[in-house]
Protein backbone atom coordinates (compact mmCIF):
# COMPACT_ATOMS: atom_id res chain seq x y z
CA MET A 1 8.21 2.01 23.15
CA LYS A 2 6.42 -1.34 23.36
CA ALA A 3 3.13 0.36 22.46
CA THR A 4 4.71 1.78 19.31
CA PHE A 5 5.96 -1.63 18.20
CA ASP A 6 2.57 -3.18 18.96
CA PHE A 7 0.88 -0.48 16.88
CA LEU A 8 3.27 -1.04 13.96
CA ARG A 9 2.86 -4.82 14.16
CA ARG A 10 -0.94 -4.50 14.20
CA ILE A 11 -0.93 -2.23 11.15
CA TRP A 12 1.57 -4.43 9.28
CA LYS A 13 -0.59 -7.53 9.82
CA ALA A 14 -3.85 -5.80 8.90
CA ASP A 15 -6.42 -7.35 6.59
CA ALA A 16 -5.79 -6.92 2.87
CA PHE A 17 -8.54 -4.33 2.29
CA SER A 18 -8.45 -2.47 5.59
CA PRO A 19 -7.52 1.20 6.02
CA GLY A 20 -4.32 0.20 7.81
CA ALA A 21 -3.20 -1.99 4.93
CA PHE A 22 -3.72 0.82 2.43
CA VAL A 23 -1.68 3.21 4.61
CA VAL A 24 1.11 0.63 4.89
CA ARG A 25 1.20 0.17 1.11
CA ALA A 26 1.34 3.94 0.61
CA ALA A 27 4.15 4.25 3.15
CA VAL A 28 6.15 1.45 1.52
CA LEU A 29 5.80 3.05 -1.94
CA ALA A 30 6.79 6.46 -0.55
CA ALA A 31 9.82 4.96 1.21
CA LEU A 32 10.95 3.13 -1.93
CA TYR A 33 10.62 6.32 -3.97
CA GLY A 34 12.59 8.21 -1.32
CA VAL A 35 15.37 5.63 -1.46
CA SER A 36 15.36 5.86 -5.25
CA CYS A 37 15.73 9.64 -5.14
CA ALA A 38 18.40 9.49 -2.43
CA ALA A 39 20.37 7.00 -4.52
CA GLY A 40 20.28 9.38 -7.50
CA LEU A 41 18.39 7.10 -9.85
CA GLN A 42 16.53 10.04 -11.41
CA GLU A 43 19.61 10.69 -13.54
CA TYR A 44 19.11 7.34 -15.27
CA THR A 45 15.75 8.39 -16.71
CA THR A 46 17.72 10.03 -19.51
CA PHE A 47 17.47 6.70 -21.34
CA LEU A 48 14.17 8.11 -22.65
CA SER A 49 16.11 10.59 -24.79
CA GLY A 50 18.74 8.04 -25.80
CA THR A 51 21.56 9.35 -23.62
CA SER A 52 23.35 7.65 -20.76
CA PRO A 53 24.54 9.41 -17.59
CA ASN A 54 27.16 6.72 -16.99
CA VAL A 55 29.27 5.51 -19.91
CA ASN A 56 30.61 2.60 -17.85
CA LEU A 57 27.21 0.88 -17.78
CA SER A 58 25.51 -0.86 -20.67
CA TRP A 59 22.37 0.64 -22.17
CA GLN A 60 20.35 -2.32 -20.83
CA THR A 61 21.44 -1.60 -17.26
CA VAL A 62 20.82 2.13 -17.62
CA SER A 63 17.38 1.44 -19.09
CA ALA A 64 16.47 -0.97 -16.30
CA ILE A 65 17.55 1.45 -13.57
CA GLY A 66 15.73 4.32 -15.27
CA LEU A 67 12.59 2.23 -15.68
CA ILE A 68 12.65 1.25 -11.99
CA HIS A 69 12.84 4.92 -11.02
CA LEU A 70 10.04 5.85 -13.44
CA LEU A 71 7.77 3.14 -12.05
CA LEU A 72 8.46 4.28 -8.50
CA TYR A 73 7.86 7.90 -9.51
CA PHE A 74 4.52 7.17 -11.14
CA SER A 75 3.44 4.98 -8.25
CA PHE A 76 4.36 7.78 -5.82
CA ILE A 77 2.48 10.39 -7.85
CA LEU A 78 -0.58 8.28 -8.73
CA LEU A 79 -0.96 5.36 -6.32
CA VAL A 80 0.05 6.87 -2.98
CA PRO A 81 -2.69 9.55 -3.02
CA ILE A 82 -5.27 6.99 -4.20
CA LEU A 83 -4.29 4.59 -1.41
CA LEU A 84 -4.46 7.32 1.25
CA ILE A 85 -7.83 8.59 0.01
CA THR A 86 -9.14 5.01 -0.01
CA ALA A 87 -7.91 4.46 3.54
CA GLY A 88 -9.62 7.65 4.70
CA LEU A 89 -12.90 6.79 2.98
CA LEU A 90 -12.88 3.24 4.39
CA LYS A 91 -12.15 4.53 7.89
CA ALA A 92 -14.99 7.04 7.63
CA TRP A 93 -17.37 4.42 6.21
CA ASN A 94 -16.53 1.89 8.93
CA GLY A 95 -17.01 4.53 11.62
CA TRP A 96 -20.31 5.80 10.21
CA LYS A 97 -21.92 2.48 9.27
CA PRO A 98 -24.14 1.18 12.11
CA GLU A 99 -23.52 -2.33 13.37
CA ARG A 100 -26.00 -4.94 12.20
CA GLU A 101 -28.08 -6.58 14.90
CA ASP A 102 -29.38 -10.13 14.86
CA PRO A 103 -33.19 -9.87 14.40
CA ASP A 104 -33.84 -12.93 16.60
CA PRO A 105 -30.89 -13.47 18.95
CA GLY A 106 -32.63 -16.24 20.95
CA ARG A 107 -33.19 -18.42 17.90
CA SER A 108 -29.47 -18.79 17.08
CA GLU A 109 -28.81 -20.41 20.46
CA LEU A 110 -31.19 -23.34 19.88
CA PRO A 111 -29.61 -26.55 18.57
CA ILE A 112 -30.69 -27.80 15.19
CA GLU A 113 -32.51 -31.13 15.42
CA PRO A 114 -32.56 -33.55 12.48
CA ASN A 115 -35.85 -34.52 10.85
CA LYS A 116 -37.24 -37.92 11.84
C-alpha cells in the first residue's frame, strides 16, 4: 500500500513536461468529465438550441453549466488522447536517447585559477 502511495506522489510531483505529468493531466481531465457525466450535466447542453432542461434555473445558469460540460467534453475528446500520445512518445524518446558523456571528465575536476 505504501508503494502505491509513493508511486502516486512521485507522479503527481513530476516535472511539468515529463511523461508522468502528461498522464496525470489526462487522468484529471478524464475524471472531471466522468463527474460531469455522472452529475447529468449533459442535459444542460440544450442551451445551444435555446431550450432549458430546468425551468427553475435562469438561462445564465443553464448556459454556464452547459458550457462547462461542453468544455470538459471537448477536452476529453481532443486533449486526453493528445496528452497520452505525448506521454508515450516522450517515454519512448527518453528510453531510446543515449546518455551524453563528458568528453573530458578529468578536466571538470580541476579548480579554475584566476589570471594574474
